[in-house]
Amino acid sequence: YVAEITVDDTLTTRELSKILHEQGIIRYPSMFRMYHAFRGYGDEYKAGEYSVSANMGYDALIRTFLGRQ
């Protein structure tokens, strides 16, 4: 499954995890947020349109939204 996600530069990790959950990309928003914090990623998401897949891991998802492909 692939979803199109629109990100603006004010998006928080909590909001992102909720969007990803609602779109069926992740199952556990709280686990996504814990992983995000554990890995030390910031909230400086790069604004844009992204195609993401439920097959992507947390690192790949986060790096996509941070613009670090």
PDB file of N, CA and C in Angstrom:
ATOM      1  N   TYR A   1       0.836  -1.181   0.000  1.00  0.00           N
ATOM      2  CA  TYR A   1       0.000   0.000   0.000  1.00  0.00           C
ATOM      3  C   TYR A   1       0.883   1.248   0.000  1.00  0.00           C
ATOM      4  N   VAL A   2       0.543   2.217  -0.846  1.00  0.00           N
ATOM      5  CA  VAL A   2       1.284   3.477  -0.951  1.00  0.00           C
ATOM      6  C   VAL A   2       0.327   4.627  -0.653  1.00  0.00           C
ATOM      7  N   ALA A   3       0.806   5.612   0.098  1.00  0.00           N
ATOM      8  CA  ALA A   3       0.003   6.794   0.422  1.00  0.00           C
ATOM      9  C   ALA A   3       0.762   8.049   0.025  1.00  0.00           C
ATOM     10  N   GLU A   4       0.013   9.060  -0.347  1.00  0.00           N
ATOM     11  CA  GLU A   4       0.573  10.375  -0.643  1.00  0.00           C
ATOM     12  C   GLU A   4       0.389  11.226   0.612  1.00  0.00           C
ATOM     13  N   ILE A   5       1.489  11.736   1.134  1.00  0.00           N
ATOM     14  CA  ILE A   5       1.465  12.526   2.356  1.00  0.00           C
ATOM     15  C   ILE A   5       1.982  13.930   2.045  1.00  0.00           C
ATOM     16  N   THR A   6       1.224  14.949   2.471  1.00  0.00           N
ATOM     17  CA  THR A   6       1.645  16.340   2.315  1.00  0.00           C
ATOM     18  C   THR A   6       2.194  16.822   3.646  1.00  0.00           C
ATOM     19  N   VAL A   7       3.395  17.391   3.593  1.00  0.00           N
ATOM     20  CA  VAL A   7       4.084  17.842   4.795  1.00  0.00           C
ATOM     21  C   VAL A   7       4.368  19.335   4.672  1.00  0.00           C
ATOM     22  N   ASP A   8       4.117  20.061   5.760  1.00  0.00           N
ATOM     23  CA  ASP A   8       4.589  21.445   5.803  1.00  0.00           C
ATOM     24  C   ASP A   8       5.670  21.539   6.881  1.00  0.00           C
ATOM     25  N   ASP A   9       6.393  22.630   6.894  1.00  0.00           N
ATOM     26  CA  ASP A   9       7.550  22.713   7.784  1.00  0.00           C
ATOM     27  C   ASP A   9       7.189  22.973   9.247  1.00  0.00           C
ATOM     28  N   THR A  10       5.898  23.019   9.586  1.00  0.00           N
ATOM     29  CA  THR A  10       5.485  23.167  10.981  1.00  0.00           C
ATOM     30  C   THR A  10       5.002  21.851  11.576  1.00  0.00           C
ATOM     31  N   LEU A  11       5.036  20.783  10.803  1.00  0.00           N
ATOM     32  CA  LEU A  11       4.537  19.482  11.241  1.00  0.00           C
ATOM     33  C   LEU A  11       5.368  18.940  12.409  1.00  0.00           C
ATOM     34  N   THR A  12       4.684  18.428  13.419  1.00  0.00           N
ATOM     35  CA  THR A  12       5.373  17.809  14.549  1.00  0.00           C
ATOM     36  C   THR A  12       5.406  16.296  14.357  1.00  0.00           C
ATOM     37  N   THR A  13       6.245  15.636  15.122  1.00  0.00           N
ATOM     38  CA  THR A  13       6.320  14.177  15.041  1.00  0.00           C
ATOM     39  C   THR A  13       5.009  13.543  15.473  1.00  0.00           C
ATOM     40  N   ARG A  14       4.357  14.113  16.471  1.00  0.00           N
ATOM     41  CA  ARG A  14       3.054  13.592  16.915  1.00  0.00           C
ATOM     42  C   ARG A  14       2.041  13.671  15.779  1.00  0.00           C
ATOM     43  N   GLU A  15       1.989  14.813  15.093  1.00  0.00           N
ATOM     44  CA  GLU A  15       1.063  14.975  13.965  1.00  0.00           C
ATOM     45  C   GLU A  15       1.411  14.018  12.835  1.00  0.00           C
ATOM     46  N   LEU A  16       2.711  13.889  12.539  1.00  0.00           N
ATOM     47  CA  LEU A  16       3.143  12.980  11.477  1.00  0.00           C
ATOM     48  C   LEU A  16       2.758  11.545  11.799  1.00  0.00           C
ATOM     49  N   SER A  17       2.975  11.115  13.034  1.00  0.00           N
ATOM     50  CA  SER A  17       2.638   9.735  13.404  1.00  0.00           C
ATOM     51  C   SER A  17       1.136   9.490  13.270  1.00  0.00           C
ATOM     52  N   LYS A  18       0.332  10.489  13.600  1.00  0.00           N
ATOM     53  CA  LYS A  18      -1.123  10.361  13.473  1.00  0.00           C
ATOM     54  C   LYS A  18      -1.520  10.230  11.999  1.00  0.00           C
ATOM     55  N   ILE A  19      -0.941  11.063  11.152  1.00  0.00           N
ATOM     56  CA  ILE A  19      -1.231  11.007   9.712  1.00  0.00           C
ATOM     57  C   ILE A  19      -0.827   9.648   9.137  1.00  0.00           C
ATOM     58  N   LEU A  20       0.364   9.192   9.481  1.00  0.00           N
ATOM     59  CA  LEU A  20       0.842   7.904   8.965  1.00  0.00           C
ATOM     60  C   LEU A  20      -0.054   6.761   9.427  1.00  0.00           C
ATOM     61  N   HIS A  21      -0.525   6.832  10.654  1.00  0.00           N
ATOM     62  CA  HIS A  21      -1.439   5.807  11.170  1.00  0.00           C
ATOM     63  C   HIS A  21      -2.786   5.854  10.443  1.00  0.00           C
ATOM     64  N   GLU A  22      -3.335   7.042  10.283  1.00  0.00           N
ATOM     65  CA  GLU A  22      -4.625   7.189   9.598  1.00  0.00           C
ATOM     66  C   GLU A  22      -4.559   6.734   8.151  1.00  0.00           C
ATOM     67  N   GLN A  23      -3.399   6.875   7.523  1.00  0.00           N
ATOM     68  CA  GLN A  23      -3.225   6.465   6.129  1.00  0.00           C
ATOM     69  C   GLN A  23      -2.845   4.986   5.994  1.00  0.00           C
ATOM     70  N   GLY A  24      -2.707   4.282   7.112  1.00  0.00           N
ATOM     71  CA  GLY A  24      -2.401   2.850   7.070  1.00  0.00           C
ATOM     72  C   GLY A  24      -0.935   2.531   6.815  1.00  0.00           C
ATOM     73  N   ILE A  25      -0.052   3.499   7.035  1.00  0.00           N
ATOM     74  CA  ILE A  25       1.375   3.275   6.797  1.00  0.00           C
ATOM     75  C   ILE A  25       2.049   2.668   8.022  1.00  0.00           C
ATOM     76  N   ILE A  26       1.648   3.107   9.218  1.00  0.00           N
ATOM     77  CA  ILE A  26       2.174   2.524  10.457  1.00  0.00           C
ATOM     78  C   ILE A  26       1.006   2.063  11.315  1.00  0.00           C
ATOM     79  N   ARG A  27       1.276   1.081  12.179  1.00  0.00           N
ATOM     80  CA  ARG A  27       0.231   0.571  13.063  1.00  0.00           C
ATOM     81  C   ARG A  27       0.218   1.254  14.421  1.00  0.00           C
ATOM     82  N   TYR A  28       1.406   1.618  14.906  1.00  0.00           N
ATOM     83  CA  TYR A  28       1.525   2.103  16.277  1.00  0.00           C
ATOM     84  C   TYR A  28       2.173   3.485  16.325  1.00  0.00           C
ATOM     85  N   PRO A  29       1.366   4.551  16.342  1.00  0.00           N
ATOM     86  CA  PRO A  29       1.919   5.906  16.376  1.00  0.00           C
ATOM     87  C   PRO A  29       2.852   6.154  17.566  1.00  0.00           C
ATOM     88  N   SER A  30       2.507   5.632  18.736  1.00  0.00           N
ATOM     89  CA  SER A  30       3.350   5.865  19.915  1.00  0.00           C
ATOM     90  C   SER A  30       4.709   5.185  19.754  1.00  0.00           C
ATOM     91  N   MET A  31       4.741   4.017  19.156  1.00  0.00           N
ATOM     92  CA  MET A  31       6.007   3.321  18.917  1.00  0.00           C
ATOM     93  C   MET A  31       6.851   4.110  17.916  1.00  0.00           C
ATOM     94  N   PHE A  32       6.210   4.661  16.895  1.00  0.00           N
ATOM     95  CA  PHE A  32       6.911   5.492  15.918  1.00  0.00           C
ATOM     96  C   PHE A  32       7.556   6.682  16.622  1.00  0.00           C
ATOM     97  N   ARG A  33       6.809   7.348  17.519  1.00  0.00           N
ATOM     98  CA  ARG A  33       7.341   8.510  18.240  1.00  0.00           C
ATOM     99  C   ARG A  33       8.484   8.118  19.167  1.00  0.00           C
ATOM    100  N   MET A  34       8.361   6.992  19.849  1.00  0.00           N
ATOM    101  CA  MET A  34       9.446   6.528  20.727  1.00  0.00           C
ATOM    102  C   MET A  34      10.699   6.225  19.923  1.00  0.00           C
ATOM    103  N   TYR A  35      10.531   5.557  18.790  1.00  0.00           N
ATOM    104  CA  TYR A  35      11.673   5.237  17.935  1.00  0.00           C
ATOM    105  C   TYR A  35      12.326   6.524  17.441  1.00  0.00           C
ATOM    106  N   HIS A  36      11.511   7.474  17.016  1.00  0.00           N
ATOM    107  CA  HIS A  36      11.991   8.769  16.530  1.00  0.00           C
ATOM    108  C   HIS A  36      12.858   9.448  17.595  1.00  0.00           C
ATOM    109  N   ALA A  37      12.363   9.476  18.837  1.00  0.00           N
ATOM    110  CA  ALA A  37      13.097  10.108  19.939  1.00  0.00           C
ATOM    111  C   ALA A  37      14.369   9.329  20.268  1.00  0.00           C
ATOM    112  N   PHE A  38      14.281   8.002  20.310  1.00  0.00           N
ATOM    113  CA  PHE A  38      15.430   7.153  20.634  1.00  0.00           C
ATOM    114  C   PHE A  38      16.567   7.368  19.649  1.00  0.00           C
ATOM    115  N   ARG A  39      16.224   7.517  18.373  1.00  0.00           N
ATOM    116  CA  ARG A  39      17.238   7.696  17.335  1.00  0.00           C
ATOM    117  C   ARG A  39      17.762   9.128  17.256  1.00  0.00           C
ATOM    118  N   GLY A  40      17.119  10.056  17.971  1.00  0.00           N
ATOM    119  CA  GLY A  40      17.591  11.429  18.028  1.00  0.00           C
ATOM    120  C   GLY A  40      17.278  12.280  16.809  1.00  0.00           C
ATOM    121  N   TYR A  41      16.251  11.903  16.064  1.00  0.00           N
ATOM    122  CA  TYR A  41      15.850  12.701  14.911  1.00  0.00           C
ATOM    123  C   TYR A  41      15.175  13.983  15.379  1.00  0.00           C
ATOM    124  N   GLY A  42      15.336  15.051  14.634  1.00  0.00           N
ATOM    125  CA  GLY A  42      14.672  16.313  14.944  1.00  0.00           C
ATOM    126  C   GLY A  42      13.329  16.396  14.248  1.00  0.00           C
ATOM    127  N   ASP A  43      12.649  17.510  14.451  1.00  0.00           N
ATOM    128  CA  ASP A  43      11.334  17.733  13.848  1.00  0.00           C
ATOM    129  C   ASP A  43      11.391  18.678  12.653  1.00  0.00           C
ATOM    130  N   GLU A  44      12.542  18.858  12.051  1.00  0.00           N
ATOM    131  CA  GLU A  44      12.662  19.787  10.930  1.00  0.00           C
ATOM    132  C   GLU A  44      12.315  19.087   9.619  1.00  0.00           C
ATOM    133  N   TYR A  45      11.039  18.787   9.453  1.00  0.00           N
ATOM    134  CA  TYR A  45      10.611  18.076   8.256  1.00  0.00           C
ATOM    135  C   TYR A  45      10.637  18.997   7.050  1.00  0.00           C
ATOM    136  N   LYS A  46      10.992  18.438   5.919  1.00  0.00           N
ATOM    137  CA  LYS A  46      11.068  19.212   4.681  1.00  0.00           C
ATOM    138  C   LYS A  46       9.684  19.232   4.029  1.00  0.00           C
ATOM    139  N   ALA A  47       9.164  20.431   3.805  1.00  0.00           N
ATOM    140  CA  ALA A  47       7.836  20.580   3.218  1.00  0.00           C
ATOM    141  C   ALA A  47       7.801  19.968   1.822  1.00  0.00           C
ATOM    142  N   GLY A  48       6.687  19.328   1.491  1.00  0.00           N
ATOM    143  CA  GLY A  48       6.527  18.760   0.165  1.00  0.00           C
ATOM    144  C   GLY A  48       5.506  17.643   0.144  1.00  0.00           C
ATOM    145  N   GLU A  49       5.408  17.012  -1.021  1.00  0.00           N
ATOM    146  CA  GLU A  49       4.517  15.862  -1.241  1.00  0.00           C
ATOM    147  C   GLU A  49       5.382  14.615  -1.282  1.00  0.00           C
ATOM    148  N   TYR A  50       4.995  13.597  -0.542  1.00  0.00           N
ATOM    149  CA  TYR A  50       5.774  12.372  -0.463  1.00  0.00           C
ATOM    150  C   TYR A  50       4.892  11.154  -0.722  1.00  0.00           C
ATOM    151  N   SER A  51       5.450  10.189  -1.424  1.00  0.00           N
ATOM    152  CA  SER A  51       4.817   8.882  -1.590  1.00  0.00           C
ATOM    153  C   SER A  51       5.551   7.929  -0.668  1.00  0.00           C
ATOM    154  N   VAL A  52       4.821   7.350   0.265  1.00  0.00           N
ATOM    155  CA  VAL A  52       5.427   6.408   1.203  1.00  0.00           C
ATOM    156  C   VAL A  52       4.638   5.109   1.202  1.00  0.00           C
ATOM    157  N   SER A  53       5.308   4.058   1.621  1.00  0.00           N
ATOM    158  CA  SER A  53       4.724   2.728   1.583  1.00  0.00           C
ATOM    159  C   SER A  53       4.676   2.116   2.976  1.00  0.00           C
ATOM    160  N   ALA A  54       3.693   1.259   3.196  1.00  0.00           N
ATOM    161  CA  ALA A  54       3.596   0.523   4.447  1.00  0.00           C
ATOM    162  C   ALA A  54       4.760  -0.452   4.599  1.00  0.00           C
ATOM    163  N   ASN A  55       5.485  -0.719   3.529  1.00  0.00           N
ATOM    164  CA  ASN A  55       6.645  -1.612   3.576  1.00  0.00           C
ATOM    165  C   ASN A  55       7.909  -0.917   4.056  1.00  0.00           C
ATOM    166  N   MET A  56       7.872   0.399   4.173  1.00  0.00           N
ATOM    167  CA  MET A  56       9.046   1.150   4.608  1.00  0.00           C
ATOM    168  C   MET A  56       9.204   1.038   6.121  1.00  0.00           C
ATOM    169  N   GLY A  57      10.433   0.925   6.575  1.00  0.00           N
ATOM    170  CA  GLY A  57      10.715   0.924   8.010  1.00  0.00           C
ATOM    171  C   GLY A  57      10.684   2.336   8.568  1.00  0.00           C
ATOM    172  N   TYR A  58      10.737   2.429   9.888  1.00  0.00           N
ATOM    173  CA  TYR A  58      10.685   3.738  10.532  1.00  0.00           C
ATOM    174  C   TYR A  58      11.825   4.649  10.071  1.00  0.00           C
ATOM    175  N   ASP A  59      13.055   4.114   9.993  1.00  0.00           N
ATOM    176  CA  ASP A  59      14.182   4.944   9.550  1.00  0.00           C
ATOM    177  C   ASP A  59      13.937   5.516   8.162  1.00  0.00           C
ATOM    178  N   ALA A  60      13.490   4.673   7.242  1.00  0.00           N
ATOM    179  CA  ALA A  60      13.248   5.119   5.869  1.00  0.00           C
ATOM    180  C   ALA A  60      12.150   6.180   5.824  1.00  0.00           C
ATOM    181  N   LEU A  61      11.099   5.995   6.604  1.00  0.00           N
ATOM    182  CA  LEU A  61      10.013   6.976   6.648  1.00  0.00           C
ATOM    183  C   LEU A  61      10.521   8.313   7.181  1.00  0.00           C
ATOM    184  N   ILE A  62      11.183   8.271   8.320  1.00  0.00           N
ATOM    185  CA  ILE A  62      11.652   9.504   8.949  1.00  0.00           C
ATOM    186  C   ILE A  62      12.641  10.225   8.050  1.00  0.00           C
ATOM    187  N   ARG A  63      13.594   9.492   7.503  1.00  0.00           N
ATOM    188  CA  ARG A  63      14.591  10.109   6.637  1.00  0.00           C
ATOM    189  C   ARG A  63      13.937  10.716   5.387  1.00  0.00           C
ATOM    190  N   THR A  64      12.899  10.104   4.895  1.00  0.00           N
ATOM    191  CA  THR A  64      12.178  10.651   3.733  1.00  0.00           C
ATOM    192  C   THR A  64      11.623  12.032   4.069  1.00  0.00           C
ATOM    193  N   PHE A  65      10.930  12.136   5.190  1.00  0.00           N
ATOM    194  CA  PHE A  65      10.297  13.397   5.564  1.00  0.00           C
ATOM    195  C   PHE A  65      11.300  14.468   5.990  1.00  0.00           C
ATOM    196  N   LEU A  66      12.480  14.043   6.421  1.00  0.00           N
ATOM    197  CA  LEU A  66      13.531  14.995   6.774  1.00  0.00           C
ATOM    198  C   LEU A  66      14.343  15.402   5.540  1.00  0.00           C
ATOM    199  N   GLY A  67      14.048  14.777   4.390  1.00  0.00           N
ATOM    200  CA  GLY A  67      14.759  15.103   3.160  1.00  0.00           C
ATOM    201  C   GLY A  67      16.145  14.501   3.093  1.00  0.00           C
ATOM    202  N   ARG A  68      16.346  13.374   3.790  1.00  0.00           N
ATOM    203  CA  ARG A  68      17.661  12.718   3.833  1.00  0.00           C
ATOM    204  C   ARG A  68      17.654  11.370   3.124  1.00  0.00           C
ATOM    205  N   GLN A  69      17.158  11.329   1.942  1.00  0.00           N
ATOM    206  CA  GLN A  69      17.073  10.061   1.193  1.00  0.00           C
ATOM    207  C   GLN A  69      18.378   9.398   1.075  1.00  0.00           C
TER     208      GLN A  69
END
